[in-house]
N, C-alpha and C. Protein backbone atom coordinates (compact mmCIF):
# COMPACT_ATOMS: atom_id res chain seq x y z
N MET A 1 -108.03 -156.44 -60.45
CA MET A 1 -108.36 -157.10 -61.70
C MET A 1 -109.86 -156.99 -61.91
N GLN A 2 -110.23 -156.79 -63.14
CA GLN A 2 -111.63 -156.59 -63.46
C GLN A 2 -111.92 -157.03 -64.88
N LYS A 3 -113.21 -157.14 -65.17
CA LYS A 3 -113.66 -157.47 -66.52
C LYS A 3 -115.05 -156.87 -66.73
N ARG A 4 -115.48 -156.84 -67.95
CA ARG A 4 -116.78 -156.27 -68.31
C ARG A 4 -117.88 -157.31 -68.07
N CYS A 5 -118.95 -156.87 -67.41
CA CYS A 5 -120.10 -157.72 -67.13
C CYS A 5 -121.04 -157.73 -68.34
N HIS A 6 -121.94 -158.70 -68.39
CA HIS A 6 -122.94 -158.76 -69.46
C HIS A 6 -123.86 -157.54 -69.45
N CYS A 7 -124.04 -156.94 -68.27
CA CYS A 7 -124.91 -155.75 -68.16
C CYS A 7 -124.21 -154.48 -68.63
N GLY A 8 -122.89 -154.58 -68.88
CA GLY A 8 -122.13 -153.44 -69.36
C GLY A 8 -121.27 -152.77 -68.31
N ASP A 9 -121.52 -153.04 -67.04
CA ASP A 9 -120.73 -152.46 -65.97
C ASP A 9 -119.44 -153.27 -65.78
N ILE A 10 -118.61 -152.82 -64.87
CA ILE A 10 -117.34 -153.48 -64.60
C ILE A 10 -117.51 -154.46 -63.43
N MET A 11 -117.03 -155.69 -63.61
CA MET A 11 -117.00 -156.68 -62.54
C MET A 11 -115.62 -156.61 -61.89
N LYS A 12 -115.59 -156.48 -60.58
CA LYS A 12 -114.33 -156.42 -59.86
C LYS A 12 -114.03 -157.75 -59.20
N MET A 13 -112.74 -158.04 -59.10
CA MET A 13 -112.28 -159.27 -58.47
C MET A 13 -112.36 -159.12 -56.96
N LYS A 14 -112.92 -160.13 -56.30
CA LYS A 14 -112.96 -160.18 -54.85
C LYS A 14 -112.62 -161.58 -54.41
N LEU A 15 -112.03 -161.70 -53.24
CA LEU A 15 -111.79 -163.00 -52.64
C LEU A 15 -112.97 -163.30 -51.74
N ARG A 16 -113.73 -164.34 -52.08
CA ARG A 16 -114.96 -164.62 -51.36
C ARG A 16 -114.97 -166.04 -50.81
N THR A 17 -115.95 -166.29 -49.98
CA THR A 17 -116.15 -167.63 -49.44
C THR A 17 -117.26 -168.31 -50.24
N VAL A 18 -116.96 -169.50 -50.73
CA VAL A 18 -117.95 -170.31 -51.43
C VAL A 18 -118.43 -171.37 -50.45
N ILE A 19 -119.74 -171.51 -50.33
CA ILE A 19 -120.33 -172.51 -49.44
C ILE A 19 -120.85 -173.64 -50.32
N TYR A 20 -120.38 -174.85 -50.03
CA TYR A 20 -120.81 -176.02 -50.79
C TYR A 20 -121.67 -176.91 -49.90
N SER A 21 -122.81 -177.27 -50.39
CA SER A 21 -123.72 -178.20 -49.73
C SER A 21 -124.13 -177.75 -48.33
N GLY A 22 -124.04 -176.45 -48.06
CA GLY A 22 -124.44 -175.90 -46.78
C GLY A 22 -123.52 -176.27 -45.62
N LYS A 23 -122.45 -177.00 -45.91
CA LYS A 23 -121.57 -177.49 -44.85
C LYS A 23 -120.11 -177.11 -45.00
N VAL A 24 -119.67 -176.91 -46.21
CA VAL A 24 -118.25 -176.70 -46.48
C VAL A 24 -118.02 -175.24 -46.88
N GLU A 25 -117.13 -174.58 -46.16
CA GLU A 25 -116.73 -173.22 -46.51
C GLU A 25 -115.39 -173.29 -47.22
N ILE A 26 -115.32 -172.70 -48.38
CA ILE A 26 -114.07 -172.63 -49.15
C ILE A 26 -113.72 -171.14 -49.23
N ASP A 27 -112.76 -170.73 -48.42
CA ASP A 27 -112.38 -169.32 -48.32
C ASP A 27 -111.35 -168.94 -49.37
N ASN A 28 -111.30 -167.65 -49.68
CA ASN A 28 -110.32 -167.06 -50.59
C ASN A 28 -110.45 -167.56 -52.03
N VAL A 29 -111.69 -167.70 -52.48
CA VAL A 29 -111.93 -168.06 -53.87
C VAL A 29 -112.06 -166.77 -54.67
N PRO A 30 -111.24 -166.60 -55.72
CA PRO A 30 -111.34 -165.39 -56.55
C PRO A 30 -112.63 -165.40 -57.37
N ILE A 31 -113.43 -164.37 -57.17
CA ILE A 31 -114.73 -164.25 -57.83
C ILE A 31 -114.85 -162.86 -58.45
N TYR A 32 -115.34 -162.80 -59.69
CA TYR A 32 -115.71 -161.52 -60.28
C TYR A 32 -117.13 -161.20 -59.83
N SER A 33 -117.36 -159.96 -59.36
CA SER A 33 -118.69 -159.55 -58.90
C SER A 33 -119.06 -158.22 -59.53
N CYS A 34 -120.33 -158.13 -59.95
CA CYS A 34 -120.86 -156.89 -60.50
C CYS A 34 -121.80 -156.27 -59.48
N SER A 35 -121.52 -155.04 -59.10
CA SER A 35 -122.35 -154.36 -58.10
C SER A 35 -123.67 -153.85 -58.71
N THR A 36 -123.75 -153.77 -60.02
CA THR A 36 -124.97 -153.28 -60.67
C THR A 36 -126.04 -154.36 -60.76
N CYS A 37 -125.69 -155.53 -61.30
CA CYS A 37 -126.69 -156.58 -61.50
C CYS A 37 -126.53 -157.76 -60.53
N ASN A 38 -125.54 -157.67 -59.65
CA ASN A 38 -125.25 -158.70 -58.64
C ASN A 38 -124.81 -160.04 -59.23
N ARG A 39 -124.37 -160.03 -60.48
CA ARG A 39 -123.85 -161.25 -61.10
C ARG A 39 -122.48 -161.56 -60.52
N SER A 40 -122.21 -162.83 -60.31
CA SER A 40 -120.90 -163.27 -59.84
C SER A 40 -120.45 -164.45 -60.67
N GLU A 41 -119.14 -164.55 -60.88
CA GLU A 41 -118.60 -165.73 -61.56
C GLU A 41 -117.19 -166.00 -61.05
N VAL A 42 -116.88 -167.27 -61.00
CA VAL A 42 -115.57 -167.71 -60.54
C VAL A 42 -114.51 -167.32 -61.56
N PHE A 43 -113.38 -166.83 -61.06
CA PHE A 43 -112.23 -166.49 -61.90
C PHE A 43 -111.91 -167.73 -62.75
N PRO A 44 -111.93 -167.63 -64.09
CA PRO A 44 -111.78 -168.80 -64.96
C PRO A 44 -110.53 -169.65 -64.68
N GLU A 45 -109.44 -169.02 -64.30
CA GLU A 45 -108.19 -169.74 -64.09
C GLU A 45 -108.24 -170.69 -62.89
N VAL A 46 -109.15 -170.45 -61.94
CA VAL A 46 -109.23 -171.31 -60.76
C VAL A 46 -110.40 -172.28 -60.81
N LYS A 47 -111.28 -172.10 -61.77
CA LYS A 47 -112.51 -172.92 -61.83
C LYS A 47 -112.23 -174.42 -61.88
N PRO A 48 -111.27 -174.91 -62.68
CA PRO A 48 -111.02 -176.36 -62.68
C PRO A 48 -110.62 -176.91 -61.31
N ASP A 49 -109.84 -176.15 -60.56
CA ASP A 49 -109.41 -176.61 -59.25
C ASP A 49 -110.55 -176.54 -58.23
N LEU A 50 -111.40 -175.52 -58.34
CA LEU A 50 -112.53 -175.41 -57.44
C LEU A 50 -113.52 -176.56 -57.70
N THR A 51 -113.83 -176.82 -58.95
CA THR A 51 -114.75 -177.92 -59.25
C THR A 51 -114.13 -179.26 -58.88
N GLY A 52 -112.82 -179.39 -59.03
CA GLY A 52 -112.14 -180.63 -58.61
C GLY A 52 -112.22 -180.84 -57.11
N LEU A 53 -112.02 -179.77 -56.35
CA LEU A 53 -112.12 -179.85 -54.89
C LEU A 53 -113.55 -180.24 -54.48
N ILE A 54 -114.53 -179.62 -55.10
CA ILE A 54 -115.93 -179.93 -54.79
C ILE A 54 -116.25 -181.38 -55.14
N ALA A 55 -115.73 -181.86 -56.26
CA ALA A 55 -115.95 -183.25 -56.66
C ALA A 55 -115.35 -184.22 -55.63
N GLN A 56 -114.17 -183.87 -55.09
CA GLN A 56 -113.53 -184.73 -54.08
C GLN A 56 -114.35 -184.79 -52.80
N LEU A 57 -115.07 -183.72 -52.49
CA LEU A 57 -115.86 -183.67 -51.26
C LEU A 57 -117.07 -184.60 -51.31
N GLY A 58 -117.57 -184.87 -52.52
CA GLY A 58 -118.71 -185.75 -52.66
C GLY A 58 -120.04 -185.06 -52.38
N ALA A 59 -121.11 -185.82 -52.48
CA ALA A 59 -122.45 -185.27 -52.34
C ALA A 59 -122.83 -185.00 -50.89
N GLN A 60 -122.25 -185.72 -49.95
CA GLN A 60 -122.59 -185.57 -48.53
C GLN A 60 -121.33 -185.27 -47.71
N PRO A 61 -120.74 -184.09 -47.89
CA PRO A 61 -119.49 -183.80 -47.19
C PRO A 61 -119.72 -183.50 -45.70
N ASN A 62 -118.67 -183.71 -44.92
CA ASN A 62 -118.69 -183.31 -43.51
C ASN A 62 -118.48 -181.81 -43.42
N LYS A 63 -118.91 -181.24 -42.29
CA LYS A 63 -118.71 -179.81 -42.08
C LYS A 63 -117.20 -179.54 -41.96
N GLN A 64 -116.70 -178.59 -42.77
CA GLN A 64 -115.28 -178.27 -42.77
C GLN A 64 -115.03 -176.94 -43.48
N THR A 65 -113.81 -176.45 -43.33
CA THR A 65 -113.40 -175.19 -43.96
C THR A 65 -112.08 -175.41 -44.68
N PHE A 66 -111.97 -174.85 -45.87
CA PHE A 66 -110.74 -174.91 -46.66
C PHE A 66 -110.27 -173.50 -46.97
N LEU A 67 -108.97 -173.31 -47.03
CA LEU A 67 -108.39 -172.09 -47.58
C LEU A 67 -107.99 -172.44 -49.01
N PHE A 68 -108.75 -171.93 -49.96
CA PHE A 68 -108.53 -172.28 -51.37
C PHE A 68 -107.13 -171.90 -51.83
N ASN A 69 -106.59 -170.82 -51.25
CA ASN A 69 -105.25 -170.37 -51.65
C ASN A 69 -104.17 -171.37 -51.26
N GLU A 70 -104.48 -172.34 -50.41
CA GLU A 70 -103.49 -173.36 -50.06
C GLU A 70 -103.40 -174.46 -51.11
N CYS A 71 -104.38 -174.50 -52.02
CA CYS A 71 -104.33 -175.54 -53.05
C CYS A 71 -104.36 -174.97 -54.47
N ASN A 72 -104.32 -173.65 -54.59
CA ASN A 72 -104.35 -173.03 -55.91
C ASN A 72 -103.40 -171.84 -55.96
N GLU A 73 -102.48 -171.86 -56.92
CA GLU A 73 -101.48 -170.79 -57.04
C GLU A 73 -102.10 -169.44 -57.37
N TRP A 74 -103.14 -169.42 -58.23
CA TRP A 74 -103.77 -168.14 -58.57
C TRP A 74 -104.39 -167.50 -57.35
N ALA A 75 -105.13 -168.30 -56.58
CA ALA A 75 -105.75 -167.78 -55.38
C ALA A 75 -104.69 -167.28 -54.41
N ASP A 76 -103.59 -168.03 -54.29
CA ASP A 76 -102.53 -167.63 -53.39
C ASP A 76 -101.89 -166.31 -53.82
N LEU A 77 -101.67 -166.15 -55.11
CA LEU A 77 -101.11 -164.89 -55.62
C LEU A 77 -102.04 -163.72 -55.34
N LEU A 78 -103.33 -163.93 -55.52
CA LEU A 78 -104.30 -162.85 -55.31
C LEU A 78 -104.43 -162.51 -53.82
N VAL A 79 -104.32 -163.51 -52.96
CA VAL A 79 -104.31 -163.24 -51.51
C VAL A 79 -103.08 -162.41 -51.17
N GLU A 80 -101.94 -162.78 -51.74
CA GLU A 80 -100.70 -162.04 -51.50
C GLU A 80 -100.82 -160.60 -52.02
N ALA A 81 -101.38 -160.44 -53.20
CA ALA A 81 -101.55 -159.10 -53.77
C ALA A 81 -102.47 -158.25 -52.89
N LYS A 82 -103.53 -158.86 -52.39
CA LYS A 82 -104.46 -158.14 -51.53
C LYS A 82 -103.77 -157.72 -50.23
N ALA A 83 -102.96 -158.60 -49.67
CA ALA A 83 -102.24 -158.30 -48.43
C ALA A 83 -101.27 -157.14 -48.65
N ASP A 84 -100.72 -157.05 -49.87
CA ASP A 84 -99.79 -155.97 -50.19
C ASP A 84 -100.51 -154.75 -50.74
N LYS A 85 -101.85 -154.76 -50.72
CA LYS A 85 -102.67 -153.65 -51.23
C LYS A 85 -102.42 -153.37 -52.71
N GLN A 86 -102.10 -154.44 -53.46
CA GLN A 86 -101.80 -154.28 -54.88
C GLN A 86 -102.87 -154.90 -55.77
N GLN A 87 -103.99 -155.32 -55.19
CA GLN A 87 -104.95 -156.10 -55.95
C GLN A 87 -105.48 -155.37 -57.19
N THR A 88 -105.46 -154.06 -57.21
CA THR A 88 -105.98 -153.34 -58.37
C THR A 88 -104.86 -152.92 -59.33
N ASP A 89 -103.62 -153.10 -58.95
CA ASP A 89 -102.48 -152.71 -59.78
C ASP A 89 -102.06 -153.91 -60.63
N HIS A 90 -102.50 -153.88 -61.90
CA HIS A 90 -102.25 -155.00 -62.81
C HIS A 90 -100.75 -155.27 -62.97
N THR A 91 -99.94 -154.24 -63.04
CA THR A 91 -98.49 -154.40 -63.19
C THR A 91 -97.90 -155.12 -61.98
N ALA A 92 -98.35 -154.76 -60.79
CA ALA A 92 -97.85 -155.40 -59.57
C ALA A 92 -98.23 -156.87 -59.53
N VAL A 93 -99.44 -157.20 -59.96
CA VAL A 93 -99.87 -158.60 -59.99
C VAL A 93 -99.03 -159.36 -61.01
N GLU A 94 -98.78 -158.77 -62.16
CA GLU A 94 -97.94 -159.43 -63.16
C GLU A 94 -96.53 -159.68 -62.62
N ARG A 95 -96.02 -158.75 -61.84
CA ARG A 95 -94.70 -158.92 -61.21
C ARG A 95 -94.73 -160.08 -60.20
N LEU A 96 -95.80 -160.15 -59.43
CA LEU A 96 -95.95 -161.26 -58.49
C LEU A 96 -95.99 -162.61 -59.22
N ILE A 97 -96.70 -162.65 -60.34
CA ILE A 97 -96.79 -163.87 -61.14
C ILE A 97 -95.41 -164.28 -61.62
N GLU A 98 -94.67 -163.34 -62.16
CA GLU A 98 -93.32 -163.62 -62.65
C GLU A 98 -92.41 -164.12 -61.53
N ASP A 99 -92.48 -163.47 -60.38
CA ASP A 99 -91.67 -163.89 -59.23
C ASP A 99 -92.04 -165.30 -58.78
N ARG A 100 -93.35 -165.59 -58.75
CA ARG A 100 -93.80 -166.91 -58.31
C ARG A 100 -93.33 -168.00 -59.27
N ILE A 101 -93.44 -167.73 -60.57
CA ILE A 101 -92.98 -168.72 -61.56
C ILE A 101 -91.50 -168.99 -61.38
N ASN A 102 -90.71 -167.93 -61.19
CA ASN A 102 -89.27 -168.11 -60.99
C ASN A 102 -88.98 -168.93 -59.73
N LYS A 103 -89.71 -168.67 -58.64
CA LYS A 103 -89.51 -169.45 -57.40
C LYS A 103 -89.87 -170.91 -57.62
N LEU A 104 -91.00 -171.15 -58.29
CA LEU A 104 -91.42 -172.52 -58.54
C LEU A 104 -90.42 -173.26 -59.43
N LEU A 105 -89.86 -172.57 -60.41
CA LEU A 105 -88.85 -173.20 -61.28
C LEU A 105 -87.57 -173.51 -60.50
N ASP A 106 -87.17 -172.62 -59.61
CA ASP A 106 -86.01 -172.89 -58.75
C ASP A 106 -86.26 -174.11 -57.88
N LEU A 107 -87.44 -174.17 -57.29
CA LEU A 107 -87.79 -175.33 -56.47
C LEU A 107 -87.85 -176.61 -57.30
N TYR A 108 -88.32 -176.49 -58.53
CA TYR A 108 -88.38 -177.64 -59.43
C TYR A 108 -87.00 -178.21 -59.68
N LEU A 109 -86.04 -177.32 -59.92
CA LEU A 109 -84.66 -177.78 -60.13
C LEU A 109 -84.12 -178.50 -58.89
N LEU A 110 -84.42 -177.96 -57.73
CA LEU A 110 -83.99 -178.60 -56.49
C LEU A 110 -84.67 -179.97 -56.32
N ALA A 111 -85.95 -180.03 -56.59
CA ALA A 111 -86.68 -181.30 -56.47
C ALA A 111 -86.12 -182.34 -57.43
N GLN A 112 -85.75 -181.91 -58.64
CA GLN A 112 -85.14 -182.84 -59.60
C GLN A 112 -83.79 -183.34 -59.09
N THR A 113 -83.00 -182.43 -58.54
CA THR A 113 -81.69 -182.81 -58.01
C THR A 113 -81.85 -183.85 -56.90
N LEU A 114 -82.88 -183.71 -56.09
CA LEU A 114 -83.13 -184.63 -54.98
C LEU A 114 -83.92 -185.87 -55.39
N ASN A 115 -84.32 -185.92 -56.67
CA ASN A 115 -85.14 -187.02 -57.18
C ASN A 115 -86.41 -187.23 -56.34
N ASP A 116 -87.03 -186.15 -55.93
CA ASP A 116 -88.23 -186.20 -55.11
C ASP A 116 -89.45 -186.14 -56.03
N GLU A 117 -89.93 -187.30 -56.43
CA GLU A 117 -91.02 -187.38 -57.41
C GLU A 117 -92.32 -186.73 -56.92
N ALA A 118 -92.63 -186.88 -55.65
CA ALA A 118 -93.86 -186.28 -55.11
C ALA A 118 -93.77 -184.76 -55.19
N TRP A 119 -92.62 -184.21 -54.85
CA TRP A 119 -92.42 -182.77 -54.90
C TRP A 119 -92.48 -182.27 -56.35
N ILE A 120 -91.84 -183.01 -57.25
CA ILE A 120 -91.86 -182.65 -58.68
C ILE A 120 -93.30 -182.62 -59.20
N THR A 121 -94.09 -183.62 -58.82
CA THR A 121 -95.49 -183.68 -59.24
C THR A 121 -96.26 -182.47 -58.71
N ASP A 122 -96.05 -182.14 -57.44
CA ASP A 122 -96.72 -180.98 -56.84
C ASP A 122 -96.32 -179.69 -57.56
N LEU A 123 -95.04 -179.53 -57.83
CA LEU A 123 -94.56 -178.32 -58.51
C LEU A 123 -95.10 -178.24 -59.94
N ASN A 124 -95.18 -179.39 -60.62
CA ASN A 124 -95.78 -179.41 -61.96
C ASN A 124 -97.22 -178.93 -61.91
N LYS A 125 -97.98 -179.39 -60.91
CA LYS A 125 -99.37 -178.98 -60.75
C LYS A 125 -99.45 -177.47 -60.53
N ARG A 126 -98.59 -176.94 -59.67
CA ARG A 126 -98.61 -175.51 -59.37
C ARG A 126 -98.24 -174.68 -60.61
N LEU A 127 -97.24 -175.13 -61.35
CA LEU A 127 -96.85 -174.41 -62.58
C LEU A 127 -97.97 -174.47 -63.62
N GLU A 128 -98.65 -175.60 -63.69
CA GLU A 128 -99.77 -175.74 -64.61
C GLU A 128 -100.90 -174.78 -64.23
N GLN A 129 -101.19 -174.67 -62.93
CA GLN A 129 -102.24 -173.75 -62.48
C GLN A 129 -101.93 -172.32 -62.88
N ILE A 130 -100.71 -171.90 -62.64
CA ILE A 130 -100.34 -170.51 -62.89
C ILE A 130 -100.22 -170.21 -64.38
N SER A 131 -100.00 -171.24 -65.19
CA SER A 131 -99.87 -171.02 -66.63
C SER A 131 -101.23 -170.97 -67.34
N ARG A 132 -102.31 -171.28 -66.64
CA ARG A 132 -103.64 -171.27 -67.27
C ARG A 132 -103.99 -169.91 -67.85
N ARG A 133 -103.53 -168.86 -67.24
CA ARG A 133 -103.88 -167.51 -67.73
C ARG A 133 -103.39 -167.33 -69.16
N SER A 134 -102.18 -167.77 -69.45
CA SER A 134 -101.66 -167.60 -70.81
C SER A 134 -102.46 -168.41 -71.81
N LEU A 135 -103.13 -169.48 -71.34
CA LEU A 135 -103.97 -170.26 -72.24
C LEU A 135 -105.28 -169.53 -72.53
N HIS A 136 -105.72 -168.64 -71.62
CA HIS A 136 -106.98 -167.92 -71.77
C HIS A 136 -106.82 -166.57 -72.45
N THR A 137 -105.59 -166.08 -72.62
CA THR A 137 -105.41 -164.75 -73.20
C THR A 137 -104.83 -164.84 -74.59
């Protein structure tokens, strides 16, 4: 996945580690990076969750490490695509997105059947995360 940088070159998607307050490592954060001007920006679809995680950590966090893909569906999909060597194949990523949505909807139906409100809430959050792309396009 890529996009055009302000300098005119192409920014490529990379999974990077974000360091917060010099103490907290947040691994597998999707970042667009430009090799020409060294500009970087967080993938827009994950930015609300990244800023939310940072806000929860507070101003004086303890030293710790997070795998961002464990709390964000977009990051998890991109980690999966990278593991399958499909990160540059837009069609393959779209297929992964479709498969993930279908799995989450199946799990949602099961959670409803079991009346598991905590699970339903979690699945709603995950579906909301993955649907952000359609709001940006």
